[in-house]
Amino acid sequence: MQKGKRHHGSHETRAAILAAHLDRPMGVLGVAFRLVVLGQLLCAMESSTDYLAAIHEATMATITGSGITSTDAFSKSLQLVLAMYSVVSFATLAGSLGAFFLQSQVEGKRGVNASRH
């Protein structure tokens, strides 16, 4: 039974390593794809007439939360969605960093307590 567990754990480790390698480039491509699609939507809904300016505005709205210059209903709703996305992304990053440092702190205390006993 031990061999089965070890083999199962090895399979999970390989899957995790594969997922980590695939996650980085695919995540970057996914974000770039979304920004291009959002720029195309701005042009398709006639919120912007210049395609490159639409991609620039969608990107800046996603990253910095700056406003989209057009004032129609679609661009306002897109700006709201992008603002929520940027807040959630920043909060996730901050939470991940906080959890990392708290975990390091807890592990350090466990090491000190273990050496005392």
PDB file of N, CA and C in Angstrom:
ATOM      1  N   MET A   1       0.823  -1.191   0.000  1.00  0.00           N
ATOM      2  CA  MET A   1       0.000   0.000   0.000  1.00  0.00           C
ATOM      3  C   MET A   1       0.868   1.257   0.000  1.00  0.00           C
ATOM      4  N   GLN A   2       2.038   1.174   0.605  1.00  0.00           N
ATOM      5  CA  GLN A   2       2.943   2.311   0.626  1.00  0.00           C
ATOM      6  C   GLN A   2       3.414   2.670  -0.779  1.00  0.00           C
ATOM      7  N   LYS A   3       3.640   1.630  -1.595  1.00  0.00           N
ATOM      8  CA  LYS A   3       4.095   1.913  -2.949  1.00  0.00           C
ATOM      9  C   LYS A   3       3.033   2.671  -3.739  1.00  0.00           C
ATOM     10  N   GLY A   4       1.781   2.284  -3.552  1.00  0.00           N
ATOM     11  CA  GLY A   4       0.687   2.967  -4.239  1.00  0.00           C
ATOM     12  C   GLY A   4       0.601   4.425  -3.836  1.00  0.00           C
ATOM     13  N   LYS A   5       0.782   4.680  -2.558  1.00  0.00           N
ATOM     14  CA  LYS A   5       0.728   6.067  -2.094  1.00  0.00           C
ATOM     15  C   LYS A   5       1.889   6.871  -2.665  1.00  0.00           C
ATOM     16  N   ARG A   6       3.061   6.258  -2.678  1.00  0.00           N
ATOM     17  CA  ARG A   6       4.218   6.974  -3.176  1.00  0.00           C
ATOM     18  C   ARG A   6       4.067   7.254  -4.669  1.00  0.00           C
ATOM     19  N   HIS A   7       3.565   6.279  -5.402  1.00  0.00           N
ATOM     20  CA  HIS A   7       3.366   6.463  -6.831  1.00  0.00           C
ATOM     21  C   HIS A   7       2.324   7.549  -7.091  1.00  0.00           C
ATOM     22  N   HIS A   8       1.253   7.556  -6.288  1.00  0.00           N
ATOM     23  CA  HIS A   8       0.199   8.564  -6.438  1.00  0.00           C
ATOM     24  C   HIS A   8       0.755   9.960  -6.149  1.00  0.00           C
ATOM     25  N   GLY A   9       1.565  10.080  -5.103  1.00  0.00           N
ATOM     26  CA  GLY A   9       2.175  11.368  -4.773  1.00  0.00           C
ATOM     27  C   GLY A   9       3.129  11.831  -5.856  1.00  0.00           C
ATOM     28  N   SER A  10       3.860  10.893  -6.441  1.00  0.00           N
ATOM     29  CA  SER A  10       4.781  11.226  -7.511  1.00  0.00           C
ATOM     30  C   SER A  10       4.019  11.750  -8.725  1.00  0.00           C
ATOM     31  N   HIS A  11       2.887  11.120  -9.012  1.00  0.00           N
ATOM     32  CA  HIS A  11       2.052  11.563 -10.131  1.00  0.00           C
ATOM     33  C   HIS A  11       1.515  12.974  -9.880  1.00  0.00           C
ATOM     34  N   GLU A  12       1.092  13.254  -8.635  1.00  0.00           N
ATOM     35  CA  GLU A  12       0.602  14.593  -8.301  1.00  0.00           C
ATOM     36  C   GLU A  12       1.710  15.627  -8.420  1.00  0.00           C
ATOM     37  N   THR A  13       2.919  15.248  -8.026  1.00  0.00           N
ATOM     38  CA  THR A  13       4.052  16.168  -8.122  1.00  0.00           C
ATOM     39  C   THR A  13       4.357  16.482  -9.576  1.00  0.00           C
ATOM     40  N   ARG A  14       4.343  15.470 -10.422  1.00  0.00           N
ATOM     41  CA  ARG A  14       4.595  15.702 -11.848  1.00  0.00           C
ATOM     42  C   ARG A  14       3.522  16.595 -12.459  1.00  0.00           C
ATOM     43  N   ALA A  15       2.266  16.359 -12.067  1.00  0.00           N
ATOM     44  CA  ALA A  15       1.168  17.180 -12.584  1.00  0.00           C
ATOM     45  C   ALA A  15       1.312  18.626 -12.122  1.00  0.00           C
ATOM     46  N   ALA A  16       1.725  18.821 -10.866  1.00  0.00           N
ATOM     47  CA  ALA A  16       1.905  20.177 -10.348  1.00  0.00           C
ATOM     48  C   ALA A  16       3.042  20.888 -11.069  1.00  0.00           C
ATOM     49  N   ILE A  17       4.122  20.177 -11.347  1.00  0.00           N
ATOM     50  CA  ILE A  17       5.253  20.768 -12.060  1.00  0.00           C
ATOM     51  C   ILE A  17       4.841  21.141 -13.481  1.00  0.00           C
ATOM     52  N   LEU A  18       4.100  20.250 -14.134  1.00  0.00           N
ATOM     53  CA  LEU A  18       3.633  20.529 -15.490  1.00  0.00           C
ATOM     54  C   LEU A  18       2.695  21.735 -15.503  1.00  0.00           C
ATOM     55  N   ALA A  19       1.792  21.795 -14.526  1.00  0.00           N
ATOM     56  CA  ALA A  19       0.860  22.922 -14.449  1.00  0.00           C
ATOM     57  C   ALA A  19       1.608  24.228 -14.211  1.00  0.00           C
ATOM     58  N   ALA A  20       2.640  24.195 -13.380  1.00  0.00           N
ATOM     59  CA  ALA A  20       3.416  25.409 -13.107  1.00  0.00           C
ATOM     60  C   ALA A  20       4.129  25.903 -14.364  1.00  0.00           C
ATOM     61  N   HIS A  21       4.638  24.967 -15.168  1.00  0.00           N
ATOM     62  CA  HIS A  21       5.314  25.372 -16.401  1.00  0.00           C
ATOM     63  C   HIS A  21       4.342  25.923 -17.434  1.00  0.00           C
ATOM     64  N   LEU A  22       3.160  25.337 -17.507  1.00  0.00           N
ATOM     65  CA  LEU A  22       2.183  25.787 -18.493  1.00  0.00           C
ATOM     66  C   LEU A  22       1.459  27.050 -18.062  1.00  0.00           C
ATOM     67  N   ASP A  23       1.405  27.291 -16.769  1.00  0.00           N
ATOM     68  CA  ASP A  23       0.621  28.411 -16.253  1.00  0.00           C
ATOM     69  C   ASP A  23       1.211  29.759 -16.631  1.00  0.00           C
ATOM     70  N   ARG A  24       2.486  29.890 -16.575  1.00  0.00           N
ATOM     71  CA  ARG A  24       3.110  31.201 -16.791  1.00  0.00           C
ATOM     72  C   ARG A  24       2.891  31.733 -18.201  1.00  0.00           C
ATOM     73  N   PRO A  25       3.306  31.031 -19.240  1.00  0.00           N
ATOM     74  CA  PRO A  25       3.108  31.608 -20.578  1.00  0.00           C
ATOM     75  C   PRO A  25       1.632  31.702 -20.956  1.00  0.00           C
ATOM     76  N   MET A  26       0.839  30.728 -20.545  1.00  0.00           N
ATOM     77  CA  MET A  26      -0.572  30.754 -20.892  1.00  0.00           C
ATOM     78  C   MET A  26      -1.292  31.885 -20.161  1.00  0.00           C
ATOM     79  N   GLY A  27      -0.879  32.169 -18.943  1.00  0.00           N
ATOM     80  CA  GLY A  27      -1.477  33.281 -18.214  1.00  0.00           C
ATOM     81  C   GLY A  27      -1.191  34.610 -18.892  1.00  0.00           C
ATOM     82  N   VAL A  28       0.041  34.786 -19.349  1.00  0.00           N
ATOM     83  CA  VAL A  28       0.417  36.019 -20.035  1.00  0.00           C
ATOM     84  C   VAL A  28      -0.331  36.139 -21.352  1.00  0.00           C
ATOM     85  N   LEU A  29      -0.394  35.039 -22.093  1.00  0.00           N
ATOM     86  CA  LEU A  29      -1.130  35.063 -23.358  1.00  0.00           C
ATOM     87  C   LEU A  29      -2.617  35.299 -23.137  1.00  0.00           C
ATOM     88  N   GLY A  30      -3.153  34.743 -22.061  1.00  0.00           N
ATOM     89  CA  GLY A  30      -4.568  34.938 -21.761  1.00  0.00           C
ATOM     90  C   GLY A  30      -4.895  36.387 -21.467  1.00  0.00           C
ATOM     91  N   VAL A  31      -4.040  37.045 -20.695  1.00  0.00           N
ATOM     92  CA  VAL A  31      -4.267  38.467 -20.390  1.00  0.00           C
ATOM     93  C   VAL A  31      -4.140  39.305 -21.657  1.00  0.00           C
ATOM     94  N   ALA A  32      -3.121  39.039 -22.461  1.00  0.00           N
ATOM     95  CA  ALA A  32      -2.955  39.793 -23.707  1.00  0.00           C
ATOM     96  C   ALA A  32      -4.155  39.583 -24.630  1.00  0.00           C
ATOM     97  N   PHE A  33      -4.638  38.347 -24.702  1.00  0.00           N
ATOM     98  CA  PHE A  33      -5.801  38.051 -25.539  1.00  0.00           C
ATOM     99  C   PHE A  33      -7.026  38.821 -25.063  1.00  0.00           C
ATOM    100  N   ARG A  34      -7.237  38.864 -23.754  1.00  0.00           N
ATOM    101  CA  ARG A  34      -8.392  39.587 -23.215  1.00  0.00           C
ATOM    102  C   ARG A  34      -8.323  41.077 -23.530  1.00  0.00           C
ATOM    103  N   LEU A  35      -7.137  41.650 -23.423  1.00  0.00           N
ATOM    104  CA  LEU A  35      -6.999  43.078 -23.693  1.00  0.00           C
ATOM    105  C   LEU A  35      -7.258  43.391 -25.163  1.00  0.00           C
ATOM    106  N   VAL A  36      -6.798  42.519 -26.053  1.00  0.00           N
ATOM    107  CA  VAL A  36      -7.058  42.723 -27.475  1.00  0.00           C
ATOM    108  C   VAL A  36      -8.552  42.598 -27.761  1.00  0.00           C
ATOM    109  N   VAL A  37      -9.197  41.606 -27.144  1.00  0.00           N
ATOM    110  CA  VAL A  37     -10.639  41.431 -27.337  1.00  0.00           C
ATOM    111  C   VAL A  37     -11.398  42.645 -26.805  1.00  0.00           C
ATOM    112  N   LEU A  38     -10.996  43.156 -25.651  1.00  0.00           N
ATOM    113  CA  LEU A  38     -11.661  44.345 -25.110  1.00  0.00           C
ATOM    114  C   LEU A  38     -11.483  45.549 -26.027  1.00  0.00           C
ATOM    115  N   GLY A  39     -10.307  45.688 -26.609  1.00  0.00           N
ATOM    116  CA  GLY A  39     -10.081  46.769 -27.574  1.00  0.00           C
ATOM    117  C   GLY A  39     -10.960  46.603 -28.799  1.00  0.00           C
ATOM    118  N   GLN A  40     -11.099  45.347 -29.257  1.00  0.00           N
ATOM    119  CA  GLN A  40     -11.964  45.098 -30.404  1.00  0.00           C
ATOM    120  C   GLN A  40     -13.421  45.398 -30.069  1.00  0.00           C
ATOM    121  N   LEU A  41     -13.835  45.066 -28.855  1.00  0.00           N
ATOM    122  CA  LEU A  41     -15.211  45.361 -28.441  1.00  0.00           C
ATOM    123  C   LEU A  41     -15.466  46.864 -28.411  1.00  0.00           C
ATOM    124  N   LEU A  42     -14.486  47.624 -27.944  1.00  0.00           N
ATOM    125  CA  LEU A  42     -14.646  49.082 -27.939  1.00  0.00           C
ATOM    126  C   LEU A  42     -14.834  49.615 -29.355  1.00  0.00           C
ATOM    127  N   CYS A  43     -14.103  49.041 -30.302  1.00  0.00           N
ATOM    128  CA  CYS A  43     -14.258  49.474 -31.698  1.00  0.00           C
ATOM    129  C   CYS A  43     -15.579  48.971 -32.282  1.00  0.00           C
ATOM    130  N   ALA A  44     -15.945  47.739 -31.984  1.00  0.00           N
ATOM    131  CA  ALA A  44     -17.168  47.157 -32.536  1.00  0.00           C
ATOM    132  C   ALA A  44     -18.410  47.876 -32.023  1.00  0.00           C
ATOM    133  N   MET A  45     -18.396  48.312 -30.782  1.00  0.00           N
ATOM    134  CA  MET A  45     -19.541  49.020 -30.218  1.00  0.00           C
ATOM    135  C   MET A  45     -19.490  50.514 -30.530  1.00  0.00           C
ATOM    136  N   GLU A  46     -18.529  50.890 -31.369  1.00  0.00           N
ATOM    137  CA  GLU A  46     -18.338  52.265 -31.816  1.00  0.00           C
ATOM    138  C   GLU A  46     -18.087  53.232 -30.668  1.00  0.00           C
ATOM    139  N   SER A  47     -17.461  52.713 -29.603  1.00  0.00           N
ATOM    140  CA  SER A  47     -17.045  53.587 -28.509  1.00  0.00           C
ATOM    141  C   SER A  47     -15.750  54.296 -28.857  1.00  0.00           C
ATOM    142  N   SER A  48     -14.982  53.686 -29.746  1.00  0.00           N
ATOM    143  CA  SER A  48     -13.721  54.272 -30.183  1.00  0.00           C
ATOM    144  C   SER A  48     -13.580  54.031 -31.679  1.00  0.00           C
ATOM    145  N   THR A  49     -12.991  54.977 -32.388  1.00  0.00           N
ATOM    146  CA  THR A  49     -12.815  54.817 -33.829  1.00  0.00           C
ATOM    147  C   THR A  49     -11.433  54.304 -34.186  1.00  0.00           C
ATOM    148  N   ASP A  50     -10.469  54.504 -33.310  1.00  0.00           N
ATOM    149  CA  ASP A  50      -9.095  54.064 -33.561  1.00  0.00           C
ATOM    150  C   ASP A  50      -8.830  52.778 -32.790  1.00  0.00           C
ATOM    151  N   TYR A  51      -8.447  51.720 -33.499  1.00  0.00           N
ATOM    152  CA  TYR A  51      -8.249  50.401 -32.889  1.00  0.00           C
ATOM    153  C   TYR A  51      -7.107  50.418 -31.869  1.00  0.00           C
ATOM    154  N   LEU A  52      -5.972  51.003 -32.219  1.00  0.00           N
ATOM    155  CA  LEU A  52      -4.837  51.045 -31.287  1.00  0.00           C
ATOM    156  C   LEU A  52      -5.157  51.872 -30.047  1.00  0.00           C
ATOM    157  N   ALA A  53      -5.881  52.969 -30.231  1.00  0.00           N
ATOM    158  CA  ALA A  53      -6.281  53.771 -29.072  1.00  0.00           C
ATOM    159  C   ALA A  53      -7.238  52.992 -28.175  1.00  0.00           C
ATOM    160  N   ALA A  54      -8.102  52.176 -28.775  1.00  0.00           N
ATOM    161  CA  ALA A  54      -9.036  51.365 -27.988  1.00  0.00           C
ATOM    162  C   ALA A  54      -8.291  50.313 -27.169  1.00  0.00           C
ATOM    163  N   ILE A  55      -7.299  49.657 -27.778  1.00  0.00           N
ATOM    164  CA  ILE A  55      -6.492  48.673 -27.035  1.00  0.00           C
ATOM    165  C   ILE A  55      -5.722  49.368 -25.916  1.00  0.00           C
ATOM    166  N   HIS A  56      -5.169  50.548 -26.214  1.00  0.00           N
ATOM    167  CA  HIS A  56      -4.429  51.305 -25.200  1.00  0.00           C
ATOM    168  C   HIS A  56      -5.339  51.673 -24.032  1.00  0.00           C
ATOM    169  N   GLU A  57      -6.529  52.152 -24.313  1.00  0.00           N
ATOM    170  CA  GLU A  57      -7.450  52.535 -23.247  1.00  0.00           C
ATOM    171  C   GLU A  57      -7.893  51.325 -22.424  1.00  0.00           C
ATOM    172  N   ALA A  58      -8.162  50.198 -23.081  1.00  0.00           N
ATOM    173  CA  ALA A  58      -8.560  48.992 -22.361  1.00  0.00           C
ATOM    174  C   ALA A  58      -7.428  48.500 -21.470  1.00  0.00           C
ATOM    175  N   THR A  59      -6.201  48.555 -21.983  1.00  0.00           N
ATOM    176  CA  THR A  59      -5.042  48.125 -21.193  1.00  0.00           C
ATOM    177  C   THR A  59      -4.821  49.033 -19.997  1.00  0.00           C
ATOM    178  N   MET A  60      -4.855  50.326 -20.215  1.00  0.00           N
ATOM    179  CA  MET A  60      -4.642  51.270 -19.121  1.00  0.00           C
ATOM    180  C   MET A  60      -5.761  51.185 -18.079  1.00  0.00           C
ATOM    181  N   ALA A  61      -6.987  50.952 -18.533  1.00  0.00           N
ATOM    182  CA  ALA A  61      -8.095  50.808 -17.590  1.00  0.00           C
ATOM    183  C   ALA A  61      -7.929  49.549 -16.751  1.00  0.00           C
ATOM    184  N   THR A  62      -7.368  48.503 -17.347  1.00  0.00           N
ATOM    185  CA  THR A  62      -7.153  47.264 -16.604  1.00  0.00           C
ATOM    186  C   THR A  62      -6.017  47.405 -15.604  1.00  0.00           C
ATOM    187  N   ILE A  63      -4.913  47.999 -16.019  1.00  0.00           N
ATOM    188  CA  ILE A  63      -3.717  48.052 -15.175  1.00  0.00           C
ATOM    189  C   ILE A  63      -3.800  49.155 -14.132  1.00  0.00           C
ATOM    190  N   THR A  64      -4.162  50.351 -14.553  1.00  0.00           N
ATOM    191  CA  THR A  64      -4.097  51.490 -13.635  1.00  0.00           C
ATOM    192  C   THR A  64      -5.454  51.957 -13.132  1.00  0.00           C
ATOM    193  N   GLY A  65      -6.519  51.525 -13.770  1.00  0.00           N
ATOM    194  CA  GLY A  65      -7.840  51.982 -13.372  1.00  0.00           C
ATOM    195  C   GLY A  65      -8.189  53.337 -13.954  1.00  0.00           C
ATOM    196  N   SER A  66      -7.363  53.843 -14.873  1.00  0.00           N
ATOM    197  CA  SER A  66      -7.679  55.134 -15.494  1.00  0.00           C
ATOM    198  C   SER A  66      -8.918  54.997 -16.367  1.00  0.00           C
ATOM    199  N   GLY A  67      -9.566  56.084 -16.593  1.00  0.00           N
ATOM    200  CA  GLY A  67     -10.830  56.051 -17.301  1.00  0.00           C
ATOM    201  C   GLY A  67     -10.702  55.870 -18.798  1.00  0.00           C
ATOM    202  N   ILE A  68     -11.759  55.345 -19.391  1.00  0.00           N
ATOM    203  CA  ILE A  68     -11.876  55.268 -20.833  1.00  0.00           C
ATOM    204  C   ILE A  68     -12.517  56.581 -21.281  1.00  0.00           C
ATOM    205  N   THR A  69     -11.983  57.172 -22.339  1.00  0.00           N
ATOM    206  CA  THR A  69     -12.394  58.527 -22.702  1.00  0.00           C
ATOM    207  C   THR A  69     -13.795  58.620 -23.281  1.00  0.00           C
ATOM    208  N   SER A  70     -14.279  57.574 -23.936  1.00  0.00           N
ATOM    209  CA  SER A  70     -15.626  57.662 -24.494  1.00  0.00           C
ATOM    210  C   SER A  70     -16.663  57.566 -23.376  1.00  0.00           C
ATOM    211  N   THR A  71     -17.845  58.115 -23.635  1.00  0.00           N
ATOM    212  CA  THR A  71     -18.841  58.245 -22.565  1.00  0.00           C
ATOM    213  C   THR A  71     -20.131  57.473 -22.812  1.00  0.00           C
ATOM    214  N   ASP A  72     -20.128  56.535 -23.753  1.00  0.00           N
ATOM    215  CA  ASP A  72     -21.355  55.773 -23.982  1.00  0.00           C
ATOM    216  C   ASP A  72     -21.526  54.699 -22.898  1.00  0.00           C
ATOM    217  N   ALA A  73     -22.677  54.059 -22.901  1.00  0.00           N
ATOM    218  CA  ALA A  73     -23.010  53.097 -21.838  1.00  0.00           C
ATOM    219  C   ALA A  73     -22.086  51.884 -21.844  1.00  0.00           C
ATOM    220  N   PHE A  74     -21.719  51.399 -23.025  1.00  0.00           N
ATOM    221  CA  PHE A  74     -20.850  50.226 -23.089  1.00  0.00           C
ATOM    222  C   PHE A  74     -19.482  50.516 -22.504  1.00  0.00           C
ATOM    223  N   SER A  75     -18.890  51.636 -22.855  1.00  0.00           N
ATOM    224  CA  SER A  75     -17.558  51.950 -22.341  1.00  0.00           C
ATOM    225  C   SER A  75     -17.580  52.209 -20.836  1.00  0.00           C
ATOM    226  N   LYS A  76     -18.658  52.793 -20.327  1.00  0.00           N
ATOM    227  CA  LYS A  76     -18.769  52.997 -18.884  1.00  0.00           C
ATOM    228  C   LYS A  76     -18.890  51.669 -18.143  1.00  0.00           C
ATOM    229  N   SER A  77     -19.686  50.749 -18.700  1.00  0.00           N
ATOM    230  CA  SER A  77     -19.811  49.438 -18.046  1.00  0.00           C
ATOM    231  C   SER A  77     -18.512  48.655 -18.143  1.00  0.00           C
ATOM    232  N   LEU A  78     -17.817  48.755 -19.276  1.00  0.00           N
ATOM    233  CA  LEU A  78     -16.520  48.088 -19.421  1.00  0.00           C
ATOM    234  C   LEU A  78     -15.511  48.663 -18.433  1.00  0.00           C
ATOM    235  N   GLN A  79     -15.537  49.965 -18.261  1.00  0.00           N
ATOM    236  CA  GLN A  79     -14.633  50.605 -17.304  1.00  0.00           C
ATOM    237  C   GLN A  79     -14.915  50.112 -15.885  1.00  0.00           C
ATOM    238  N   LEU A  80     -16.165  49.947 -15.541  1.00  0.00           N
ATOM    239  CA  LEU A  80     -16.537  49.436 -14.222  1.00  0.00           C
ATOM    240  C   LEU A  80     -16.041  48.007 -14.020  1.00  0.00           C
ATOM    241  N   VAL A  81     -16.225  47.158 -15.021  1.00  0.00           N
ATOM    242  CA  VAL A  81     -15.770  45.768 -14.930  1.00  0.00           C
ATOM    243  C   VAL A  81     -14.250  45.717 -14.811  1.00  0.00           C
ATOM    244  N   LEU A  82     -13.542  46.522 -15.591  1.00  0.00           N
ATOM    245  CA  LEU A  82     -12.080  46.535 -15.531  1.00  0.00           C
ATOM    246  C   LEU A  82     -11.574  47.079 -14.197  1.00  0.00           C
ATOM    247  N   ALA A  83     -12.268  48.041 -13.638  1.00  0.00           N
ATOM    248  CA  ALA A  83     -11.872  48.569 -12.330  1.00  0.00           C
ATOM    249  C   ALA A  83     -12.029  47.489 -11.257  1.00  0.00           C
ATOM    250  N   MET A  84     -13.129  46.742 -11.311  1.00  0.00           N
ATOM    251  CA  MET A  84     -13.316  45.649 -10.346  1.00  0.00           C
ATOM    252  C   MET A  84     -12.254  44.573 -10.542  1.00  0.00           C
ATOM    253  N   TYR A  85     -11.923  44.265 -11.791  1.00  0.00           N
ATOM    254  CA  TYR A  85     -10.897  43.273 -12.084  1.00  0.00           C
ATOM    255  C   TYR A  85      -9.545  43.696 -11.515  1.00  0.00           C
ATOM    256  N   SER A  86      -9.185  44.957 -11.687  1.00  0.00           N
ATOM    257  CA  SER A  86      -7.883  45.407 -11.187  1.00  0.00           C
ATOM    258  C   SER A  86      -7.841  45.399  -9.664  1.00  0.00           C
ATOM    259  N   VAL A  87      -8.942  45.737  -9.001  1.00  0.00           N
ATOM    260  CA  VAL A  87      -8.983  45.703  -7.538  1.00  0.00           C
ATOM    261  C   VAL A  87      -8.849  44.270  -7.036  1.00  0.00           C
ATOM    262  N   VAL A  88      -9.573  43.347  -7.661  1.00  0.00           N
ATOM    263  CA  VAL A  88      -9.506  41.937  -7.251  1.00  0.00           C
ATOM    264  C   VAL A  88      -8.108  41.376  -7.505  1.00  0.00           C
ATOM    265  N   SER A  89      -7.495  41.718  -8.628  1.00  0.00           N
ATOM    266  CA  SER A  89      -6.149  41.238  -8.933  1.00  0.00           C
ATOM    267  C   SER A  89      -5.139  41.750  -7.909  1.00  0.00           C
ATOM    268  N   PHE A  90      -5.216  43.037  -7.574  1.00  0.00           N
ATOM    269  CA  PHE A  90      -4.300  43.601  -6.597  1.00  0.00           C
ATOM    270  C   PHE A  90      -4.525  42.988  -5.218  1.00  0.00           C
ATOM    271  N   ALA A  91      -5.776  42.788  -4.832  1.00  0.00           N
ATOM    272  CA  ALA A  91      -6.071  42.184  -3.529  1.00  0.00           C
ATOM    273  C   ALA A  91      -5.570  40.746  -3.469  1.00  0.00           C
ATOM    274  N   THR A  92      -5.691  40.012  -4.562  1.00  0.00           N
ATOM    275  CA  THR A  92      -5.185  38.639  -4.608  1.00  0.00           C
ATOM    276  C   THR A  92      -3.674  38.614  -4.461  1.00  0.00           C
ATOM    277  N   LEU A  93      -3.002  39.510  -5.144  1.00  0.00           N
ATOM    278  CA  LEU A  93      -1.544  39.596  -5.037  1.00  0.00           C
ATOM    279  C   LEU A  93      -1.125  39.965  -3.618  1.00  0.00           C
ATOM    280  N   ALA A  94      -1.788  40.948  -3.031  1.00  0.00           N
ATOM    281  CA  ALA A  94      -1.456  41.362  -1.662  1.00  0.00           C
ATOM    282  C   ALA A  94      -1.736  40.231  -0.668  1.00  0.00           C
ATOM    283  N   GLY A  95      -2.844  39.526  -0.844  1.00  0.00           N
ATOM    284  CA  GLY A  95      -3.161  38.401   0.038  1.00  0.00           C
ATOM    285  C   GLY A  95      -2.160  37.272  -0.096  1.00  0.00           C
ATOM    286  N   SER A  96      -1.709  36.996  -1.311  1.00  0.00           N
ATOM    287  CA  SER A  96      -0.714  35.938  -1.525  1.00  0.00           C
ATOM    288  C   SER A  96       0.611  36.282  -0.864  1.00  0.00           C
ATOM    289  N   LEU A  97       1.036  37.533  -1.012  1.00  0.00           N
ATOM    290  CA  LEU A  97       2.284  37.950  -0.368  1.00  0.00           C
ATOM    291  C   LEU A  97       2.152  37.916   1.153  1.00  0.00           C
ATOM    292  N   GLY A  98       1.019  38.369   1.669  1.00  0.00           N
ATOM    293  CA  GLY A  98       0.805  38.327   3.114  1.00  0.00           C
ATOM    294  C   GLY A  98       0.799  36.910   3.647  1.00  0.00           C
ATOM    295  N   ALA A  99       0.153  35.994   2.938  1.00  0.00           N
ATOM    296  CA  ALA A  99       0.115  34.594   3.364  1.00  0.00           C
ATOM    297  C   ALA A  99       1.511  33.979   3.322  1.00  0.00           C
ATOM    298  N   PHE A 100       2.309  34.342   2.317  1.00  0.00           N
ATOM    299  CA  PHE A 100       3.677  33.825   2.228  1.00  0.00           C
ATOM    300  C   PHE A 100       4.497  34.252   3.440  1.00  0.00           C
ATOM    301  N   PHE A 101       4.428  35.534   3.789  1.00  0.00           N
ATOM    302  CA  PHE A 101       5.220  36.014   4.916  1.00  0.00           C
ATOM    303  C   PHE A 101       4.696  35.481   6.249  1.00  0.00           C
ATOM    304  N   LEU A 102       3.392  35.332   6.387  1.00  0.00           N
ATOM    305  CA  LEU A 102       2.852  34.741   7.614  1.00  0.00           C
ATOM    306  C   LEU A 102       3.247  33.284   7.747  1.00  0.00           C
ATOM    307  N   GLN A 103       3.246  32.549   6.636  1.00  0.00           N
ATOM    308  CA  GLN A 103       3.648  31.146   6.684  1.00  0.00           C
ATOM    309  C   GLN A 103       5.114  31.030   7.075  1.00  0.00           C
ATOM    310  N   SER A 104       5.965  31.895   6.538  1.00  0.00           N
ATOM    311  CA  SER A 104       7.386  31.875   6.898  1.00  0.00           C
ATOM    312  C   SER A 104       7.564  32.182   8.377  1.00  0.00           C
ATOM    313  N   GLN A 105       6.771  33.112   8.892  1.00  0.00           N
ATOM    314  CA  GLN A 105       6.864  33.485  10.297  1.00  0.00           C
ATOM    315  C   GLN A 105       6.421  32.331  11.196  1.00  0.00           C
ATOM    316  N   VAL A 106       5.351  31.649  10.833  1.00  0.00           N
ATOM    317  CA  VAL A 106       4.849  30.521  11.622  1.00  0.00           C
ATOM    318  C   VAL A 106       5.841  29.373  11.587  1.00  0.00           C
ATOM    319  N   GLU A 107       6.414  29.084  10.422  1.00  0.00           N
ATOM    320  CA  GLU A 107       7.404  28.013  10.322  1.00  0.00           C
ATOM    321  C   GLU A 107       8.648  28.340  11.134  1.00  0.00           C
ATOM    322  N   GLY A 108       9.029  29.610  11.167  1.00  0.00           N
ATOM    323  CA  GLY A 108      10.181  30.012  11.973  1.00  0.00           C
ATOM    324  C   GLY A 108       9.918  29.815  13.457  1.00  0.00           C
ATOM    325  N   LYS A 109       8.704  30.119  13.919  1.00  0.00           N
ATOM    326  CA  LYS A 109       8.354  29.912  15.321  1.00  0.00           C
ATOM    327  C   LYS A 109       8.308  28.434  15.653  1.00  0.00           C
ATOM    328  N   ARG A 110       7.834  27.607  14.737  1.00  0.00           N
ATOM    329  CA  ARG A 110       7.795  26.158  14.985  1.00  0.00           C
ATOM    330  C   ARG A 110       9.213  25.605  15.121  1.00  0.00           C
ATOM    331  N   GLY A 111      10.127  26.115  14.311  1.00  0.00           N
ATOM    332  CA  GLY A 111      11.514  25.665  14.400  1.00  0.00           C
ATOM    333  C   GLY A 111      12.140  26.052  15.727  1.00  0.00           C
ATOM    334  N   VAL A 112      11.841  27.243  16.239  1.00  0.00           N
ATOM    335  CA  VAL A 112      12.365  27.698  17.527  1.00  0.00           C
ATOM    336  C   VAL A 112      11.776  26.870  18.646  1.00  0.00           C
ATOM    337  N   ASN A 113      10.466  26.615  18.602  1.00  0.00           N
ATOM    338  CA  ASN A 113       9.818  25.807  19.643  1.00  0.00           C
ATOM    339  C   ASN A 113      10.310  24.371  19.624  1.00  0.00           C
ATOM    340  N   ALA A 114      10.563  23.810  18.467  1.00  0.00           N
ATOM    341  CA  ALA A 114      11.046  22.430  18.359  1.00  0.00           C
ATOM    342  C   ALA A 114      12.455  22.305  18.924  1.00  0.00           C
ATOM    343  N   SER A 115      13.292  23.337  18.747  1.00  0.00           N
ATOM    344  CA  SER A 115      14.661  23.264  19.242  1.00  0.00           C
ATOM    345  C   SER A 115      14.703  23.424  20.777  1.00  0.00           C
ATOM    346  N   ARG A 116      13.685  24.050  21.357  1.00  0.00           N
ATOM    347  CA  ARG A 116      13.655  24.211  22.814  1.00  0.00           C
ATOM    348  C   ARG A 116      13.299  22.899  23.511  1.00  0.00           C
ATOM    349  N   HIS A 117      12.523  22.037  22.853  1.00  0.00           N
ATOM    350  CA  HIS A 117      12.071  20.792  23.479  1.00  0.00           C
ATOM    351  C   HIS A 117      13.015  19.720  23.230  1.00  0.00           C
TER     352      HIS A 117
END
